[in-house]
């Protein structure tokens, strides 16, 4: 089969399209013929050799997590009823940016007729994380909610969830196009965080009280600054790292100010306290609660270009990888 392969840790040009061995399903698994796959920022960091404490992967490997496609074969312990069905799934380990991929049968979700494949996969991965954050966060109705990296794939979904919950939503992003998109998706206030002193505008938008809830998807110094505008007794998630690592914060200060902080471990399937499922994500998408915005679709030979767009933060919404 053909696959996009990270040949070594490094810049996007280490990703090469190569022939790769066809996978065989292990116990409890299926093999899916991939039609379209998701691509998210954390994959660019993994490609550079970062986050090894969270992701056990070494080159050469095939990147990509969430995917949509047709079940081709199943393991002996998996029902043959899956064969031929159009499904959403998550690659075992990694491997979604390939023509064929192994996935756990237990986590498969059949794609409903109401959603086309691109919409379904665009909402599947980011929607899963967004709903976990919604579940972990306090009720948002009537609260000041700050969403950073608000024009990214997950930022837009969090913005929609906060808006639909009746929050006063403050969206922070970089550049007018991203601010316009955030406004169109339900933000009450938009702030360009590439400009010095942006945190003062957040405080102004909250009557100098600070944000009750912060969904922090930018990371780096932007994330650290976002932590400073959390209200005493508030809630803060440090789930994004596109600006260089997850948001740094002083744990002693958080304890002193009564701020609840959630990090990446609270969003991992093996460590989270939430009970969100892929079926929940698709049900919320069908109900209209989650409406992904797809900006660019790249073919399998241009996965490197998708990584570059993510790293340069030029996307308005999501990028996807079209395999077939």
C-alpha atoms as a PDB file:
ATOM      1  CA  UNK A   1       0.000   0.000   0.000  1.00  0.00           C
ATOM      2  CA  UNK A   2       0.975   3.667  -0.277  1.00  0.00           C
ATOM      3  CA  UNK A   3       1.575   5.638   2.889  1.00  0.00           C
ATOM      4  CA  UNK A   4       2.962   8.969   4.054  1.00  0.00           C
ATOM      5  CA  UNK A   5       5.991   8.037   6.151  1.00  0.00           C
ATOM      6  CA  UNK A   6       7.919  10.119   8.685  1.00  0.00           C
ATOM      7  CA  UNK A   7      11.378   8.875   7.729  1.00  0.00           C
ATOM      8  CA  UNK A   8      13.190  10.655  10.571  1.00  0.00           C
ATOM      9  CA  UNK A   9      12.443  13.328  13.145  1.00  0.00           C
ATOM     10  CA  UNK A  10      12.656  16.770  11.581  1.00  0.00           C
ATOM     11  CA  UNK A  11      10.996  19.369   9.379  1.00  0.00           C
ATOM     12  CA  UNK A  12       7.944  18.566   7.193  1.00  0.00           C
ATOM     13  CA  UNK A  13      10.141  17.436   4.297  1.00  0.00           C
ATOM     14  CA  UNK A  14      11.016  14.256   6.208  1.00  0.00           C
ATOM     15  CA  UNK A  15       7.526  13.007   5.270  1.00  0.00           C
ATOM     16  CA  UNK A  16       7.803  10.861   2.126  1.00  0.00           C
ATOM     17  CA  UNK A  17       5.171   8.871   0.263  1.00  0.00           C
ATOM     18  CA  UNK A  18       6.391   5.266   0.186  1.00  0.00           C
ATOM     19  CA  UNK A  19       5.266   1.698  -0.283  1.00  0.00           C
ATOM     20  CA  UNK A  20       4.495   0.285   3.149  1.00  0.00           C
ATOM     21  CA  UNK A  21       3.494  -3.231   4.246  1.00  0.00           C
ATOM     22  CA  UNK A  22      -0.254  -3.906   4.241  1.00  0.00           C
ATOM     23  CA  UNK A  23      -1.488  -4.213   7.835  1.00  0.00           C
ATOM     24  CA  UNK A  24      -3.136  -7.311   9.277  1.00  0.00           C
ATOM     25  CA  UNK A  25      -5.779  -6.962  11.996  1.00  0.00           C
ATOM     26  CA  UNK A  26      -4.754  -7.976  15.479  1.00  0.00           C
ATOM     27  CA  UNK A  27      -7.140  -9.297  18.123  1.00  0.00           C
ATOM     28  CA  UNK A  28     -10.227  -7.095  18.338  1.00  0.00           C
ATOM     29  CA  UNK A  29      -9.207  -5.108  15.267  1.00  0.00           C
ATOM     30  CA  UNK A  30     -10.307  -4.392  11.728  1.00  0.00           C
ATOM     31  CA  UNK A  31      -8.444  -3.142   8.680  1.00  0.00           C
ATOM     32  CA  UNK A  32     -10.004  -0.064   7.081  1.00  0.00           C
ATOM     33  CA  UNK A  33      -9.530   1.182   3.531  1.00  0.00           C
ATOM     34  CA  UNK A  34      -8.975   4.866   4.277  1.00  0.00           C
ATOM     35  CA  UNK A  35     -10.900   7.500   2.345  1.00  0.00           C
ATOM     36  CA  UNK A  36     -10.021  10.625   4.325  1.00  0.00           C
ATOM     37  CA  UNK A  37      -8.068  11.236   7.526  1.00  0.00           C
ATOM     38  CA  UNK A  38      -7.667  13.985  10.073  1.00  0.00           C
ATOM     39  CA  UNK A  39      -4.405  15.865  10.688  1.00  0.00           C
ATOM     40  CA  UNK A  40      -3.867  17.914  13.852  1.00  0.00           C
ATOM     41  CA  UNK A  41      -1.144  20.146  15.241  1.00  0.00           C
ATOM     42  CA  UNK A  42       0.223  17.692  17.790  1.00  0.00           C
ATOM     43  CA  UNK A  43       1.273  15.422  14.896  1.00  0.00           C
ATOM     44  CA  UNK A  44       3.713  18.122  13.754  1.00  0.00           C
ATOM     45  CA  UNK A  45       5.288  18.219  17.196  1.00  0.00           C
ATOM     46  CA  UNK A  46       5.570  14.419  17.319  1.00  0.00           C
ATOM     47  CA  UNK A  47       7.212  14.517  13.875  1.00  0.00           C
ATOM     48  CA  UNK A  48       9.869  16.816  15.365  1.00  0.00           C
ATOM     49  CA  UNK A  49      10.528  14.339  18.190  1.00  0.00           C
ATOM     50  CA  UNK A  50       8.588  16.221  20.856  1.00  0.00           C
ATOM     51  CA  UNK A  51       6.129  14.867  23.457  1.00  0.00           C
ATOM     52  CA  UNK A  52       7.892  11.503  23.744  1.00  0.00           C
ATOM     53  CA  UNK A  53       6.574  11.289  27.310  1.00  0.00           C
ATOM     54  CA  UNK A  54       3.041  11.105  25.894  1.00  0.00           C
ATOM     55  CA  UNK A  55       3.535   9.354  22.540  1.00  0.00           C
ATOM     56  CA  UNK A  56       5.776   6.308  22.150  1.00  0.00           C
ATOM     57  CA  UNK A  57       6.752   6.543  18.482  1.00  0.00           C
ATOM     58  CA  UNK A  58       9.988   6.461  16.533  1.00  0.00           C
ATOM     59  CA  UNK A  59      10.740   6.828  12.797  1.00  0.00           C
ATOM     60  CA  UNK A  60      10.052   5.420  10.391  1.00  0.00           C
ATOM     61  CA  UNK A  61       6.339   5.568  11.142  1.00  0.00           C
ATOM     62  CA  UNK A  62       3.084   6.480   9.419  1.00  0.00           C
ATOM     63  CA  UNK A  63       1.413   9.490  11.093  1.00  0.00           C
ATOM     64  CA  UNK A  64      -2.286  10.171  11.486  1.00  0.00           C
ATOM     65  CA  UNK A  65      -4.854   9.211  14.101  1.00  0.00           C
ATOM     66  CA  UNK A  66      -8.528   9.592  13.178  1.00  0.00           C
ATOM     67  CA  UNK A  67      -9.850   8.385   9.831  1.00  0.00           C
ATOM     68  CA  UNK A  68     -12.944   7.557   7.808  1.00  0.00           C
ATOM     69  CA  UNK A  69     -13.224   4.707   5.361  1.00  0.00           C
ATOM     70  CA  UNK A  70     -14.600   1.260   4.593  1.00  0.00           C
ATOM     71  CA  UNK A  71     -13.930  -1.854   6.651  1.00  0.00           C
ATOM     72  CA  UNK A  72     -12.040  -4.304   4.475  1.00  0.00           C
ATOM     73  CA  UNK A  73     -11.119  -7.198   6.779  1.00  0.00           C
ATOM     74  CA  UNK A  74     -11.682  -8.157  10.417  1.00  0.00           C
ATOM     75  CA  UNK A  75      -9.876 -10.260  12.989  1.00  0.00           C
ATOM     76  CA  UNK A  76     -11.329 -13.728  13.741  1.00  0.00           C
ATOM     77  CA  UNK A  77     -12.814 -12.422  17.010  1.00  0.00           C
ATOM     78  CA  UNK A  78     -14.618  -9.494  15.328  1.00  0.00           C
ATOM     79  CA  UNK A  79     -18.052  -9.728  13.704  1.00  0.00           C
ATOM     80  CA  UNK A  80     -17.964  -9.927   9.918  1.00  0.00           C
ATOM     81  CA  UNK A  81     -20.990  -7.598   9.922  1.00  0.00           C
ATOM     82  CA  UNK A  82     -18.473  -4.737   9.937  1.00  0.00           C
ATOM     83  CA  UNK A  83     -17.091  -5.661   6.525  1.00  0.00           C
ATOM     84  CA  UNK A  84     -18.158  -3.157   3.876  1.00  0.00           C
ATOM     85  CA  UNK A  85     -19.451  -0.570   6.350  1.00  0.00           C
ATOM     86  CA  UNK A  86     -18.369   3.074   6.159  1.00  0.00           C
ATOM     87  CA  UNK A  87     -16.934   3.952   9.532  1.00  0.00           C
ATOM     88  CA  UNK A  88     -14.960   6.395  11.624  1.00  0.00           C
ATOM     89  CA  UNK A  89     -12.109   5.010  13.648  1.00  0.00           C
ATOM     90  CA  UNK A  90      -8.737   5.666  15.222  1.00  0.00           C
ATOM     91  CA  UNK A  91      -5.588   4.046  13.958  1.00  0.00           C
ATOM     92  CA  UNK A  92      -3.897   1.615  16.312  1.00  0.00           C
ATOM     93  CA  UNK A  93      -0.975   3.726  17.500  1.00  0.00           C
ATOM     94  CA  UNK A  94      -0.658   5.884  14.424  1.00  0.00           C
ATOM     95  CA  UNK A  95      -0.980   5.085  10.722  1.00  0.00           C
ATOM     96  CA  UNK A  96      -4.070   6.850   9.352  1.00  0.00           C
ATOM     97  CA  UNK A  97      -2.187   8.582   6.535  1.00  0.00           C
ATOM     98  CA  UNK A  98      -2.088   5.428   4.458  1.00  0.00           C
ATOM     99  CA  UNK A  99      -4.346   3.456   2.147  1.00  0.00           C
ATOM    100  CA  UNK A 100      -4.984   0.793   4.798  1.00  0.00           C
ATOM    101  CA  UNK A 101      -4.938   1.006   8.574  1.00  0.00           C
ATOM    102  CA  UNK A 102      -5.571  -1.133  11.655  1.00  0.00           C
ATOM    103  CA  UNK A 103      -8.182   0.121  14.104  1.00  0.00           C
ATOM    104  CA  UNK A 104      -9.951  -1.179  17.187  1.00  0.00           C
ATOM    105  CA  UNK A 105     -13.385  -2.566  16.382  1.00  0.00           C
ATOM    106  CA  UNK A 106     -14.705  -1.489  19.780  1.00  0.00           C
ATOM    107  CA  UNK A 107     -14.155   2.187  18.930  1.00  0.00           C
ATOM    108  CA  UNK A 108     -15.678   2.182  15.434  1.00  0.00           C
ATOM    109  CA  UNK A 109     -18.600   4.464  14.684  1.00  0.00           C
ATOM    110  CA  UNK A 110     -20.684   3.963  11.571  1.00  0.00           C
ATOM    111  CA  UNK A 111     -21.020   7.162   9.548  1.00  0.00           C
ATOM    112  CA  UNK A 112     -24.679   8.262   9.526  1.00  0.00           C
ATOM    113  CA  UNK A 113     -26.372   9.264   6.303  1.00  0.00           C
ATOM    114  CA  UNK A 114     -26.789  12.815   7.621  1.00  0.00           C
ATOM    115  CA  UNK A 115     -23.026  13.501   7.475  1.00  0.00           C
ATOM    116  CA  UNK A 116     -20.685  13.370   4.509  1.00  0.00           C
ATOM    117  CA  UNK A 117     -17.275  11.803   5.112  1.00  0.00           C
ATOM    118  CA  UNK A 118     -15.332  15.060   5.274  1.00  0.00           C
ATOM    119  CA  UNK A 119     -17.675  16.571   7.839  1.00  0.00           C
ATOM    120  CA  UNK A 120     -17.692  13.368   9.859  1.00  0.00           C
ATOM    121  CA  UNK A 121     -13.916  13.048  10.090  1.00  0.00           C
ATOM    122  CA  UNK A 122     -13.445  16.789  10.586  1.00  0.00           C
ATOM    123  CA  UNK A 123     -15.586  16.660  13.723  1.00  0.00           C
ATOM    124  CA  UNK A 124     -14.543  13.235  15.006  1.00  0.00           C
ATOM    125  CA  UNK A 125     -11.132  13.857  16.578  1.00  0.00           C
ATOM    126  CA  UNK A 126     -11.425  17.501  17.584  1.00  0.00           C
ATOM    127  CA  UNK A 127     -15.027  16.970  18.625  1.00  0.00           C
ATOM    128  CA  UNK A 128     -13.981  14.170  20.951  1.00  0.00           C
ATOM    129  CA  UNK A 129     -11.525  16.473  22.738  1.00  0.00           C
ATOM    130  CA  UNK A 130     -13.962  19.390  22.720  1.00  0.00           C
ATOM    131  CA  UNK A 131     -16.695  17.309  24.358  1.00  0.00           C
ATOM    132  CA  UNK A 132     -14.255  16.002  26.966  1.00  0.00           C
ATOM    133  CA  UNK A 133     -13.366  19.602  27.807  1.00  0.00           C
ATOM    134  CA  UNK A 134     -17.055  20.532  27.926  1.00  0.00           C
ATOM    135  CA  UNK A 135     -17.618  17.622  30.306  1.00  0.00           C
ATOM    136  CA  UNK A 136     -14.676  18.554  32.539  1.00  0.00           C
ATOM    137  CA  UNK A 137     -15.464  22.282  32.659  1.00  0.00           C
ATOM    138  CA  UNK A 138     -18.030  23.900  34.968  1.00  0.00           C
ATOM    139  CA  UNK A 139     -21.418  24.865  33.477  1.00  0.00           C
ATOM    140  CA  UNK A 140     -20.858  27.704  31.020  1.00  0.00           C
ATOM    141  CA  UNK A 141     -24.240  29.429  31.019  1.00  0.00           C
ATOM    142  CA  UNK A 142     -23.830  33.090  31.943  1.00  0.00           C
ATOM    143  CA  UNK A 143     -20.068  32.764  32.388  1.00  0.00           C
ATOM    144  CA  UNK A 144     -17.192  34.613  30.742  1.00  0.00           C
ATOM    145  CA  UNK A 145     -15.450  32.000  28.605  1.00  0.00           C
ATOM    146  CA  UNK A 146     -12.148  32.689  26.857  1.00  0.00           C
ATOM    147  CA  UNK A 147     -11.169  30.485  23.905  1.00  0.00           C
ATOM    148  CA  UNK A 148      -7.619  30.921  22.621  1.00  0.00           C
ATOM    149  CA  UNK A 149      -6.548  29.640  19.183  1.00  0.00           C
ATOM    150  CA  UNK A 150     -10.234  30.182  18.496  1.00  0.00           C
ATOM    151  CA  UNK A 151     -10.020  29.804  14.704  1.00  0.00           C
ATOM    152  CA  UNK A 152      -8.380  26.376  14.772  1.00  0.00           C
ATOM    153  CA  UNK A 153     -10.293  23.169  14.238  1.00  0.00           C
ATOM    154  CA  UNK A 154     -10.933  22.519  17.925  1.00  0.00           C
ATOM    155  CA  UNK A 155     -11.072  26.165  18.940  1.00  0.00           C
ATOM    156  CA  UNK A 156     -14.058  26.721  16.678  1.00  0.00           C
ATOM    157  CA  UNK A 157     -15.889  23.742  18.160  1.00  0.00           C
ATOM    158  CA  UNK A 158     -15.228  24.957  21.719  1.00  0.00           C
ATOM    159  CA  UNK A 159     -16.418  28.401  20.708  1.00  0.00           C
ATOM    160  CA  UNK A 160     -19.642  26.893  19.339  1.00  0.00           C
ATOM    161  CA  UNK A 161     -20.208  24.836  22.494  1.00  0.00           C
ATOM    162  CA  UNK A 162     -19.700  27.866  24.741  1.00  0.00           C
ATOM    163  CA  UNK A 163     -21.985  30.018  22.596  1.00  0.00           C
ATOM    164  CA  UNK A 164     -24.715  27.380  22.542  1.00  0.00           C
ATOM    165  CA  UNK A 165     -24.420  26.995  26.323  1.00  0.00           C
ATOM    166  CA  UNK A 166     -25.231  30.681  26.801  1.00  0.00           C
ATOM    167  CA  UNK A 167     -21.769  31.898  27.752  1.00  0.00           C
ATOM    168  CA  UNK A 168     -20.288  35.312  27.037  1.00  0.00           C
ATOM    169  CA  UNK A 169     -17.595  34.119  24.634  1.00  0.00           C
ATOM    170  CA  UNK A 170     -14.278  35.901  24.175  1.00  0.00           C
ATOM    171  CA  UNK A 171     -12.264  34.559  21.248  1.00  0.00           C
ATOM    172  CA  UNK A 172      -8.539  35.186  20.892  1.00  0.00           C
ATOM    173  CA  UNK A 173      -6.718  34.481  17.641  1.00  0.00           C
ATOM    174  CA  UNK A 174      -4.103  35.941  15.313  1.00  0.00           C
ATOM    175  CA  UNK A 175      -5.092  38.243  12.432  1.00  0.00           C
ATOM    176  CA  UNK A 176      -8.311  39.701  11.097  1.00  0.00           C
ATOM    177  CA  UNK A 177      -9.372  36.696   9.019  1.00  0.00           C
ATOM    178  CA  UNK A 178      -9.311  34.453  12.091  1.00  0.00           C
ATOM    179  CA  UNK A 179     -11.115  37.043  14.175  1.00  0.00           C
ATOM    180  CA  UNK A 180     -13.819  37.359  11.507  1.00  0.00           C
ATOM    181  CA  UNK A 181     -14.261  33.580  11.409  1.00  0.00           C
ATOM    182  CA  UNK A 182     -14.489  33.414  15.209  1.00  0.00           C
ATOM    183  CA  UNK A 183     -17.114  36.161  15.221  1.00  0.00           C
ATOM    184  CA  UNK A 184     -19.130  34.324  12.577  1.00  0.00           C
ATOM    185  CA  UNK A 185     -19.060  31.171  14.724  1.00  0.00           C
ATOM    186  CA  UNK A 186     -20.571  32.866  17.767  1.00  0.00           C
ATOM    187  CA  UNK A 187     -17.895  34.867  19.612  1.00  0.00           C
ATOM    188  CA  UNK A 188     -19.212  37.931  21.424  1.00  0.00           C
ATOM    189  CA  UNK A 189     -15.793  39.594  21.639  1.00  0.00           C
ATOM    190  CA  UNK A 190     -12.756  38.958  19.422  1.00  0.00           C
ATOM    191  CA  UNK A 191      -9.187  39.873  20.385  1.00  0.00           C
ATOM    192  CA  UNK A 192      -5.985  39.672  18.368  1.00  0.00           C
ATOM    193  CA  UNK A 193      -3.461  38.074  20.693  1.00  0.00           C
ATOM    194  CA  UNK A 194      -0.546  38.905  18.397  1.00  0.00           C
ATOM    195  CA  UNK A 195      -0.783  42.476  19.711  1.00  0.00           C
ATOM    196  CA  UNK A 196       0.939  43.474  22.977  1.00  0.00           C
ATOM    197  CA  UNK A 197      -1.349  43.877  25.958  1.00  0.00           C
ATOM    198  CA  UNK A 198      -4.118  41.681  24.568  1.00  0.00           C
ATOM    199  CA  UNK A 199      -4.785  40.307  28.039  1.00  0.00           C
ATOM    200  CA  UNK A 200      -5.931  43.776  29.139  1.00  0.00           C
ATOM    201  CA  UNK A 201      -8.666  43.595  26.503  1.00  0.00           C
ATOM    202  CA  UNK A 202      -9.786  40.271  27.952  1.00  0.00           C
ATOM    203  CA  UNK A 203     -10.087  41.852  31.379  1.00  0.00           C
ATOM    204  CA  UNK A 204     -12.025  44.769  29.917  1.00  0.00           C
ATOM    205  CA  UNK A 205     -14.417  42.315  28.273  1.00  0.00           C
ATOM    206  CA  UNK A 206     -15.087  40.745  31.680  1.00  0.00           C
ATOM    207  CA  UNK A 207     -15.551  44.025  33.574  1.00  0.00           C
ATOM    208  CA  UNK A 208     -12.088  43.432  35.045  1.00  0.00           C
ATOM    209  CA  UNK A 209     -13.308  40.285  36.786  1.00  0.00           C
ATOM    210  CA  UNK A 210     -11.312  37.820  34.684  1.00  0.00           C
ATOM    211  CA  UNK A 211     -12.534  34.811  32.720  1.00  0.00           C
ATOM    212  CA  UNK A 212     -14.477  32.155  34.608  1.00  0.00           C
ATOM    213  CA  UNK A 213     -13.388  29.464  32.137  1.00  0.00           C
ATOM    214  CA  UNK A 214     -10.411  29.440  29.770  1.00  0.00           C
ATOM    215  CA  UNK A 215     -10.053  26.902  26.984  1.00  0.00           C
ATOM    216  CA  UNK A 216      -6.366  27.454  26.220  1.00  0.00           C
ATOM    217  CA  UNK A 217      -5.344  26.018  22.862  1.00  0.00           C
ATOM    218  CA  UNK A 218      -2.378  28.230  21.943  1.00  0.00           C
ATOM    219  CA  UNK A 219       0.316  27.169  24.407  1.00  0.00           C
ATOM    220  CA  UNK A 220       3.675  28.809  24.943  1.00  0.00           C
ATOM    221  CA  UNK A 221       3.807  32.398  26.153  1.00  0.00           C
ATOM    222  CA  UNK A 222       0.286  33.030  24.862  1.00  0.00           C
ATOM    223  CA  UNK A 223      -0.970  30.277  27.117  1.00  0.00           C
ATOM    224  CA  UNK A 224       0.986  31.574  30.085  1.00  0.00           C
ATOM    225  CA  UNK A 225      -0.534  35.013  29.528  1.00  0.00           C
ATOM    226  CA  UNK A 226      -4.014  33.506  29.251  1.00  0.00           C
ATOM    227  CA  UNK A 227      -3.547  31.956  32.689  1.00  0.00           C
ATOM    228  CA  UNK A 228      -3.099  35.441  34.169  1.00  0.00           C
ATOM    229  CA  UNK A 229      -6.651  36.447  33.202  1.00  0.00           C
ATOM    230  CA  UNK A 230      -8.389  33.517  34.902  1.00  0.00           C
ATOM    231  CA  UNK A 231     -10.718  34.679  37.649  1.00  0.00           C
ATOM    232  CA  UNK A 232      -9.946  33.516  41.194  1.00  0.00           C
ATOM    233  CA  UNK A 233     -11.841  30.273  41.620  1.00  0.00           C
ATOM    234  CA  UNK A 234     -11.938  29.823  37.860  1.00  0.00           C
ATOM    235  CA  UNK A 235     -11.130  26.932  35.538  1.00  0.00           C
ATOM    236  CA  UNK A 236      -8.276  26.623  33.023  1.00  0.00           C
ATOM    237  CA  UNK A 237      -7.420  23.963  30.447  1.00  0.00           C
ATOM    238  CA  UNK A 238      -3.876  23.777  29.043  1.00  0.00           C
ATOM    239  CA  UNK A 239      -4.642  21.507  26.105  1.00  0.00           C
ATOM    240  CA  UNK A 240      -2.893  23.146  23.128  1.00  0.00           C
ATOM    241  CA  UNK A 241       0.763  23.633  22.222  1.00  0.00           C
ATOM    242  CA  UNK A 242       1.123  25.225  18.750  1.00  0.00           C
ATOM    243  CA  UNK A 243       3.103  28.168  20.165  1.00  0.00           C
ATOM    244  CA  UNK A 244       5.758  25.943  21.723  1.00  0.00           C
ATOM    245  CA  UNK A 245       4.712  23.622  24.527  1.00  0.00           C
ATOM    246  CA  UNK A 246       1.630  23.557  26.727  1.00  0.00           C
ATOM    247  CA  UNK A 247       0.825  26.671  28.734  1.00  0.00           C
ATOM    248  CA  UNK A 248       3.133  27.118  31.703  1.00  0.00           C
ATOM    249  CA  UNK A 249       1.565  28.141  34.992  1.00  0.00           C
ATOM    250  CA  UNK A 250       2.519  28.337  38.653  1.00  0.00           C
ATOM    251  CA  UNK A 251       0.836  25.447  40.443  1.00  0.00           C
ATOM    252  CA  UNK A 252       1.214  27.192  43.800  1.00  0.00           C
ATOM    253  CA  UNK A 253      -0.485  30.300  42.408  1.00  0.00           C
ATOM    254  CA  UNK A 254      -3.279  28.166  40.964  1.00  0.00           C
ATOM    255  CA  UNK A 255      -3.824  26.567  44.374  1.00  0.00           C
ATOM    256  CA  UNK A 256      -3.687  29.904  46.163  1.00  0.00           C
ATOM    257  CA  UNK A 257      -6.224  31.436  43.791  1.00  0.00           C
ATOM    258  CA  UNK A 258      -8.454  28.352  43.763  1.00  0.00           C
ATOM    259  CA  UNK A 259      -8.041  27.782  40.028  1.00  0.00           C
ATOM    260  CA  UNK A 260      -8.760  24.300  38.672  1.00  0.00           C
ATOM    261  CA  UNK A 261      -6.295  23.347  35.938  1.00  0.00           C
ATOM    262  CA  UNK A 262      -6.715  20.511  33.435  1.00  0.00           C
ATOM    263  CA  UNK A 263      -3.877  19.323  31.215  1.00  0.00           C
ATOM    264  CA  UNK A 264      -3.177  16.845  28.454  1.00  0.00           C
ATOM    265  CA  UNK A 265      -3.380  13.835  30.797  1.00  0.00           C
ATOM    266  CA  UNK A 266      -6.987  14.745  31.556  1.00  0.00           C
ATOM    267  CA  UNK A 267      -7.739  14.359  27.833  1.00  0.00           C
ATOM    268  CA  UNK A 268      -6.020  11.059  27.139  1.00  0.00           C
ATOM    269  CA  UNK A 269      -8.340   8.132  26.572  1.00  0.00           C
ATOM    270  CA  UNK A 270      -6.380   6.039  29.082  1.00  0.00           C
ATOM    271  CA  UNK A 271      -6.317   8.637  31.869  1.00  0.00           C
ATOM    272  CA  UNK A 272      -9.374  10.848  31.456  1.00  0.00           C
ATOM    273  CA  UNK A 273     -12.233  10.820  33.937  1.00  0.00           C
ATOM    274  CA  UNK A 274     -14.791  11.580  31.215  1.00  0.00           C
ATOM    275  CA  UNK A 275     -17.004   9.008  29.512  1.00  0.00           C
ATOM    276  CA  UNK A 276     -17.312  10.673  26.098  1.00  0.00           C
ATOM    277  CA  UNK A 277     -17.466   8.281  23.149  1.00  0.00           C
ATOM    278  CA  UNK A 278     -17.079   8.667  19.408  1.00  0.00           C
ATOM    279  CA  UNK A 279     -20.780   7.963  19.059  1.00  0.00           C
ATOM    280  CA  UNK A 280     -21.477  10.936  21.349  1.00  0.00           C
ATOM    281  CA  UNK A 281     -19.434  13.181  19.066  1.00  0.00           C
ATOM    282  CA  UNK A 282     -21.287  12.107  15.936  1.00  0.00           C
ATOM    283  CA  UNK A 283     -24.658  12.420  17.666  1.00  0.00           C
ATOM    284  CA  UNK A 284     -23.834  16.012  18.656  1.00  0.00           C
ATOM    285  CA  UNK A 285     -22.693  16.743  15.094  1.00  0.00           C
ATOM    286  CA  UNK A 286     -25.948  15.381  13.668  1.00  0.00           C
ATOM    287  CA  UNK A 287     -27.842  17.515  16.191  1.00  0.00           C
ATOM    288  CA  UNK A 288     -25.997  20.595  14.923  1.00  0.00           C
ATOM    289  CA  UNK A 289     -24.055  21.273  18.139  1.00  0.00           C
ATOM    290  CA  UNK A 290     -20.683  20.724  16.451  1.00  0.00           C
ATOM    291  CA  UNK A 291     -20.088  22.198  12.993  1.00  0.00           C
ATOM    292  CA  UNK A 292     -16.498  21.751  11.814  1.00  0.00           C
ATOM    293  CA  UNK A 293     -14.917  24.234   9.436  1.00  0.00           C
ATOM    294  CA  UNK A 294     -12.656  22.626   6.810  1.00  0.00           C
ATOM    295  CA  UNK A 295     -10.197  24.978   5.141  1.00  0.00           C
ATOM    296  CA  UNK A 296      -7.901  22.718   3.100  1.00  0.00           C
ATOM    297  CA  UNK A 297      -7.901  19.112   1.899  1.00  0.00           C
ATOM    298  CA  UNK A 298      -4.519  17.671   0.896  1.00  0.00           C
ATOM    299  CA  UNK A 299      -3.846  14.418  -0.939  1.00  0.00           C
ATOM    300  CA  UNK A 300      -1.570  11.684   0.391  1.00  0.00           C
ATOM    301  CA  UNK A 301       1.436  13.060  -1.493  1.00  0.00           C
ATOM    302  CA  UNK A 302       1.117  16.438   0.237  1.00  0.00           C
ATOM    303  CA  UNK A 303       0.907  15.546   3.935  1.00  0.00           C
ATOM    304  CA  UNK A 304       4.060  17.616   4.391  1.00  0.00           C
ATOM    305  CA  UNK A 305       2.198  20.663   3.072  1.00  0.00           C
ATOM    306  CA  UNK A 306      -0.542  20.079   5.648  1.00  0.00           C
ATOM    307  CA  UNK A 307       2.090  19.983   8.397  1.00  0.00           C
ATOM    308  CA  UNK A 308       3.587  23.223   7.097  1.00  0.00           C
ATOM    309  CA  UNK A 309       0.196  24.951   7.089  1.00  0.00           C
ATOM    310  CA  UNK A 310      -0.434  23.821  10.651  1.00  0.00           C
ATOM    311  CA  UNK A 311       2.971  24.997  11.832  1.00  0.00           C
ATOM    312  CA  UNK A 312       2.673  28.356  10.087  1.00  0.00           C
ATOM    313  CA  UNK A 313      -0.871  28.743  11.450  1.00  0.00           C
ATOM    314  CA  UNK A 314      -2.286  29.770   8.081  1.00  0.00           C
ATOM    315  CA  UNK A 315      -5.401  27.582   8.285  1.00  0.00           C
ATOM    316  CA  UNK A 316      -8.876  28.955   8.966  1.00  0.00           C
ATOM    317  CA  UNK A 317     -10.322  25.868  10.567  1.00  0.00           C
ATOM    318  CA  UNK A 318      -9.137  22.379   9.735  1.00  0.00           C
ATOM    319  CA  UNK A 319      -6.974  20.517   7.254  1.00  0.00           C
ATOM    320  CA  UNK A 320      -7.783  16.973   6.138  1.00  0.00           C
ATOM    321  CA  UNK A 321      -5.895  14.305   4.172  1.00  0.00           C
ATOM    322  CA  UNK A 322      -7.753  12.761   1.229  1.00  0.00           C
ATOM    323  CA  UNK A 323      -6.391   9.251   0.643  1.00  0.00           C
ATOM    324  CA  UNK A 324      -8.864   7.909  -1.954  1.00  0.00           C
END
